[in-house]
Amino acid sequence: MTTDQLDAIRFDLALHFETLGPASRDHAARLAVEEHGGTAIDAQPMEPKHGHWGPLEAELSILGVQGTGTTMADAATAWARRARRMHDAMNQEQAA
C-alpha cells in the first residue's frame, strides 16, 4: 500500500467518524480496528480497593494514528482530528 493510499483510507475513516453520534462512532471505531488492525482499549474505572488503576482513558490506534479520550467515541474523535492533521500536512508538503 502506498503512502497516498494509506492517507486516503485514514481521511475517509476520519470523515466517517465525524458524521456519527457517540454510540455509532464507538461502534465504528471497533469495526475499523477489526477491518484495518490496530487496538481499542477501553478506559477502566479506578478502584483502588481492588487494585484497578486504569487505563484511565480510552485508546484507539488504527493505521498508524492514535487517539485518546474519556470514552471510545471521544478517542475516535481525537483519532479523526489527528488523521486529518496528517492529511493536511501531507497535502501541504506535496504542494510545496
N, C-alpha and C. Protein backbone atom coordinates (compact mmCIF):
# COMPACT_ATOMS: atom_id res chain seq x y z
N MET A 1 0.84 -1.17 0.00
CA MET A 1 0.00 0.00 0.00
C MET A 1 0.90 1.24 0.00
N THR A 2 0.58 2.19 -0.85
CA THR A 2 1.39 3.41 -0.93
C THR A 2 0.98 4.37 0.18
N THR A 3 1.82 5.36 0.40
CA THR A 3 1.52 6.38 1.41
C THR A 3 0.24 7.13 1.05
N ASP A 4 0.05 7.40 -0.23
CA ASP A 4 -1.17 8.10 -0.66
C ASP A 4 -2.42 7.25 -0.42
N GLN A 5 -2.32 5.96 -0.65
CA GLN A 5 -3.47 5.07 -0.40
C GLN A 5 -3.79 5.02 1.08
N LEU A 6 -2.76 4.91 1.90
CA LEU A 6 -2.95 4.89 3.35
C LEU A 6 -3.59 6.19 3.82
N ASP A 7 -3.11 7.30 3.30
CA ASP A 7 -3.67 8.60 3.66
C ASP A 7 -5.13 8.69 3.26
N ALA A 8 -5.47 8.18 2.10
CA ALA A 8 -6.86 8.22 1.63
C ALA A 8 -7.78 7.40 2.52
N ILE A 9 -7.31 6.24 2.95
CA ILE A 9 -8.11 5.39 3.85
C ILE A 9 -8.31 6.10 5.18
N ARG A 10 -7.23 6.65 5.73
CA ARG A 10 -7.34 7.37 7.02
C ARG A 10 -8.29 8.56 6.89
N PHE A 11 -8.16 9.32 5.79
CA PHE A 11 -9.00 10.50 5.60
C PHE A 11 -10.48 10.10 5.52
N ASP A 12 -10.79 9.07 4.73
CA ASP A 12 -12.17 8.60 4.61
C ASP A 12 -12.72 8.14 5.96
N LEU A 13 -11.91 7.43 6.72
CA LEU A 13 -12.34 6.95 8.03
C LEU A 13 -12.57 8.13 8.98
N ALA A 14 -11.70 9.13 8.93
CA ALA A 14 -11.87 10.32 9.76
C ALA A 14 -13.19 11.02 9.43
N LEU A 15 -13.47 11.18 8.14
CA LEU A 15 -14.73 11.80 7.73
C LEU A 15 -15.93 11.00 8.23
N HIS A 16 -15.81 9.68 8.15
CA HIS A 16 -16.89 8.81 8.62
C HIS A 16 -17.12 9.00 10.12
N PHE A 17 -16.06 8.97 10.92
CA PHE A 17 -16.19 9.17 12.36
C PHE A 17 -16.86 10.50 12.68
N GLU A 18 -16.52 11.53 11.90
CA GLU A 18 -17.03 12.88 12.18
C GLU A 18 -18.53 13.01 11.90
N THR A 19 -19.10 12.12 11.12
CA THR A 19 -20.53 12.21 10.79
C THR A 19 -21.41 11.46 11.78
N LEU A 20 -20.81 10.73 12.70
CA LEU A 20 -21.57 9.85 13.59
C LEU A 20 -21.77 10.43 14.98
N GLY A 21 -22.84 10.00 15.61
CA GLY A 21 -23.06 10.32 17.02
C GLY A 21 -22.18 9.43 17.88
N PRO A 22 -22.14 9.68 19.19
CA PRO A 22 -21.22 8.94 20.07
C PRO A 22 -21.36 7.42 20.03
N ALA A 23 -22.57 6.90 20.12
CA ALA A 23 -22.74 5.44 20.14
C ALA A 23 -22.30 4.82 18.81
N SER A 24 -22.68 5.45 17.72
CA SER A 24 -22.30 4.93 16.41
C SER A 24 -20.81 5.07 16.17
N ARG A 25 -20.22 6.16 16.66
CA ARG A 25 -18.77 6.37 16.50
C ARG A 25 -18.00 5.31 17.29
N ASP A 26 -18.47 4.97 18.49
CA ASP A 26 -17.85 3.91 19.29
C ASP A 26 -17.86 2.61 18.50
N HIS A 27 -19.03 2.28 17.96
CA HIS A 27 -19.17 1.03 17.19
C HIS A 27 -18.30 1.05 15.94
N ALA A 28 -18.28 2.17 15.23
CA ALA A 28 -17.48 2.29 14.01
C ALA A 28 -15.99 2.16 14.31
N ALA A 29 -15.55 2.71 15.44
CA ALA A 29 -14.14 2.61 15.81
C ALA A 29 -13.75 1.15 16.04
N ARG A 30 -14.61 0.41 16.71
CA ARG A 30 -14.32 -1.01 16.97
C ARG A 30 -14.32 -1.81 15.66
N LEU A 31 -15.23 -1.50 14.76
CA LEU A 31 -15.24 -2.17 13.46
C LEU A 31 -13.99 -1.83 12.65
N ALA A 32 -13.55 -0.59 12.73
CA ALA A 32 -12.34 -0.18 12.00
C ALA A 32 -11.11 -0.93 12.51
N VAL A 33 -11.05 -1.18 13.81
CA VAL A 33 -9.93 -1.96 14.37
C VAL A 33 -9.96 -3.38 13.80
N GLU A 34 -11.15 -3.96 13.72
CA GLU A 34 -11.27 -5.30 13.14
C GLU A 34 -10.88 -5.31 11.66
N GLU A 35 -11.31 -4.29 10.93
CA GLU A 35 -11.07 -4.26 9.49
C GLU A 35 -9.62 -3.92 9.14
N HIS A 36 -9.03 -2.96 9.85
CA HIS A 36 -7.71 -2.46 9.47
C HIS A 36 -6.60 -2.89 10.42
N GLY A 37 -6.95 -3.55 11.50
CA GLY A 37 -5.96 -3.87 12.52
C GLY A 37 -5.78 -2.68 13.43
N GLY A 38 -5.15 -2.90 14.53
CA GLY A 38 -4.94 -1.83 15.50
C GLY A 38 -5.41 -2.26 16.86
N THR A 39 -5.62 -1.29 17.73
CA THR A 39 -6.06 -1.60 19.09
C THR A 39 -7.14 -0.63 19.53
N ALA A 40 -8.03 -1.14 20.35
CA ALA A 40 -9.04 -0.33 21.03
C ALA A 40 -9.02 -0.77 22.49
N ILE A 41 -8.65 0.15 23.36
CA ILE A 41 -8.56 -0.15 24.79
C ILE A 41 -9.53 0.76 25.52
N ASP A 42 -10.48 0.16 26.22
CA ASP A 42 -11.46 0.95 26.95
C ASP A 42 -10.88 1.46 28.26
N ALA A 43 -11.35 2.62 28.68
CA ALA A 43 -10.98 3.16 29.99
C ALA A 43 -11.61 2.28 31.06
N GLN A 44 -10.91 2.15 32.16
CA GLN A 44 -11.42 1.36 33.28
C GLN A 44 -11.60 2.27 34.48
N PRO A 45 -12.65 2.06 35.23
CA PRO A 45 -12.83 2.91 36.42
C PRO A 45 -11.75 2.62 37.45
N MET A 46 -11.34 3.65 38.15
CA MET A 46 -10.34 3.46 39.21
C MET A 46 -11.02 2.80 40.39
N GLU A 47 -10.47 1.71 40.83
CA GLU A 47 -10.98 1.00 42.01
C GLU A 47 -9.79 0.62 42.87
N PRO A 48 -9.26 1.58 43.64
CA PRO A 48 -8.06 1.30 44.45
C PRO A 48 -8.24 0.12 45.40
N LYS A 49 -9.45 -0.09 45.90
CA LYS A 49 -9.69 -1.20 46.83
C LYS A 49 -9.40 -2.55 46.16
N HIS A 50 -9.64 -2.61 44.87
CA HIS A 50 -9.47 -3.87 44.14
C HIS A 50 -8.21 -3.89 43.29
N GLY A 51 -7.41 -2.85 43.39
CA GLY A 51 -6.15 -2.81 42.65
C GLY A 51 -6.29 -2.44 41.18
N HIS A 52 -7.43 -1.85 40.79
CA HIS A 52 -7.65 -1.46 39.40
C HIS A 52 -7.33 0.03 39.27
N TRP A 53 -6.33 0.33 38.47
CA TRP A 53 -5.90 1.71 38.29
C TRP A 53 -5.92 2.18 36.85
N GLY A 54 -6.59 1.50 36.01
CA GLY A 54 -6.67 2.03 34.65
C GLY A 54 -6.56 0.94 33.61
N PRO A 55 -6.46 1.35 32.36
CA PRO A 55 -6.12 2.68 31.88
C PRO A 55 -7.25 3.68 32.17
N LEU A 56 -6.88 4.91 32.41
CA LEU A 56 -7.85 5.94 32.77
C LEU A 56 -8.53 6.55 31.56
N GLU A 57 -7.93 6.40 30.39
CA GLU A 57 -8.51 6.91 29.15
C GLU A 57 -8.68 5.78 28.15
N ALA A 58 -9.66 5.94 27.27
CA ALA A 58 -9.81 5.01 26.16
C ALA A 58 -8.73 5.33 25.14
N GLU A 59 -8.21 4.30 24.49
CA GLU A 59 -7.15 4.48 23.50
C GLU A 59 -7.56 3.79 22.20
N LEU A 60 -7.32 4.47 21.08
CA LEU A 60 -7.63 3.92 19.77
C LEU A 60 -6.42 4.11 18.87
N SER A 61 -5.96 3.04 18.26
CA SER A 61 -4.82 3.10 17.35
C SER A 61 -5.17 2.32 16.09
N ILE A 62 -5.24 3.06 14.98
CA ILE A 62 -5.57 2.45 13.69
C ILE A 62 -4.70 3.11 12.62
N LEU A 63 -4.10 2.30 11.76
CA LEU A 63 -3.37 2.80 10.60
C LEU A 63 -2.31 3.83 10.95
N GLY A 64 -1.64 3.61 12.07
CA GLY A 64 -0.54 4.49 12.46
C GLY A 64 -0.94 5.78 13.12
N VAL A 65 -2.21 5.92 13.49
CA VAL A 65 -2.70 7.13 14.16
C VAL A 65 -3.32 6.70 15.48
N GLN A 66 -3.07 7.51 16.52
CA GLN A 66 -3.63 7.22 17.84
C GLN A 66 -4.54 8.33 18.29
N GLY A 67 -5.55 7.96 19.06
CA GLY A 67 -6.44 8.92 19.68
C GLY A 67 -6.79 8.44 21.07
N THR A 68 -6.93 9.36 22.00
CA THR A 68 -7.33 9.01 23.36
C THR A 68 -8.49 9.91 23.78
N GLY A 69 -9.26 9.44 24.73
CA GLY A 69 -10.38 10.22 25.26
C GLY A 69 -11.00 9.52 26.44
N THR A 70 -11.98 10.15 27.04
CA THR A 70 -12.63 9.56 28.21
C THR A 70 -13.48 8.35 27.83
N THR A 71 -13.95 8.31 26.59
CA THR A 71 -14.72 7.17 26.07
C THR A 71 -14.12 6.76 24.73
N MET A 72 -14.55 5.63 24.22
CA MET A 72 -14.07 5.20 22.90
C MET A 72 -14.55 6.17 21.82
N ALA A 73 -15.75 6.71 21.97
CA ALA A 73 -16.24 7.70 21.00
C ALA A 73 -15.35 8.94 21.01
N ASP A 74 -14.93 9.38 22.19
CA ASP A 74 -14.03 10.53 22.29
C ASP A 74 -12.66 10.20 21.68
N ALA A 75 -12.19 8.99 21.91
CA ALA A 75 -10.91 8.57 21.34
C ALA A 75 -11.00 8.56 19.81
N ALA A 76 -12.15 8.15 19.27
CA ALA A 76 -12.34 8.15 17.81
C ALA A 76 -12.37 9.58 17.27
N THR A 77 -12.94 10.50 18.03
CA THR A 77 -12.95 11.90 17.62
C THR A 77 -11.52 12.44 17.58
N ALA A 78 -10.74 12.13 18.62
CA ALA A 78 -9.34 12.57 18.65
C ALA A 78 -8.56 11.91 17.52
N TRP A 79 -8.84 10.64 17.26
CA TRP A 79 -8.18 9.93 16.16
C TRP A 79 -8.46 10.65 14.83
N ALA A 80 -9.73 10.98 14.60
CA ALA A 80 -10.11 11.65 13.35
C ALA A 80 -9.41 13.00 13.21
N ARG A 81 -9.33 13.74 14.30
CA ARG A 81 -8.65 15.05 14.27
C ARG A 81 -7.18 14.88 13.89
N ARG A 82 -6.52 13.91 14.47
CA ARG A 82 -5.10 13.67 14.15
C ARG A 82 -4.92 13.16 12.72
N ALA A 83 -5.81 12.29 12.27
CA ALA A 83 -5.72 11.77 10.90
C ALA A 83 -5.89 12.91 9.89
N ARG A 84 -6.80 13.84 10.18
CA ARG A 84 -7.00 14.98 9.28
C ARG A 84 -5.78 15.90 9.29
N ARG A 85 -5.17 16.09 10.46
CA ARG A 85 -3.95 16.91 10.52
C ARG A 85 -2.84 16.28 9.68
N MET A 86 -2.70 14.97 9.77
CA MET A 86 -1.69 14.28 8.96
C MET A 86 -1.99 14.47 7.47
N HIS A 87 -3.25 14.33 7.12
CA HIS A 87 -3.68 14.50 5.73
C HIS A 87 -3.34 15.92 5.24
N ASP A 88 -3.69 16.91 6.04
CA ASP A 88 -3.41 18.30 5.66
C ASP A 88 -1.91 18.55 5.53
N ALA A 89 -1.13 18.01 6.45
CA ALA A 89 0.33 18.19 6.40
C ALA A 89 0.91 17.54 5.14
N MET A 90 0.41 16.37 4.79
CA MET A 90 0.89 15.70 3.58
C MET A 90 0.55 16.52 2.34
N ASN A 91 -0.65 17.09 2.31
CA ASN A 91 -1.04 17.90 1.15
C ASN A 91 -0.21 19.16 1.05
N GLN A 92 0.11 19.78 2.17
CA GLN A 92 0.95 20.98 2.15
C GLN A 92 2.35 20.64 1.67
N GLU A 93 2.85 19.49 2.12
CA GLU A 93 4.18 19.05 1.71
C GLU A 93 4.24 18.80 0.19
N GLN A 94 3.20 18.17 -0.33
CA GLN A 94 3.16 17.86 -1.75
C GLN A 94 3.01 19.12 -2.59
N ALA A 95 2.34 20.13 -2.05
CA ALA A 95 2.12 21.37 -2.78
C ALA A 95 3.38 22.24 -2.82
N ALA A 96 4.26 22.01 -1.85
CA ALA A 96 5.48 22.85 -1.77
C ALA A 96 6.50 22.49 -2.81
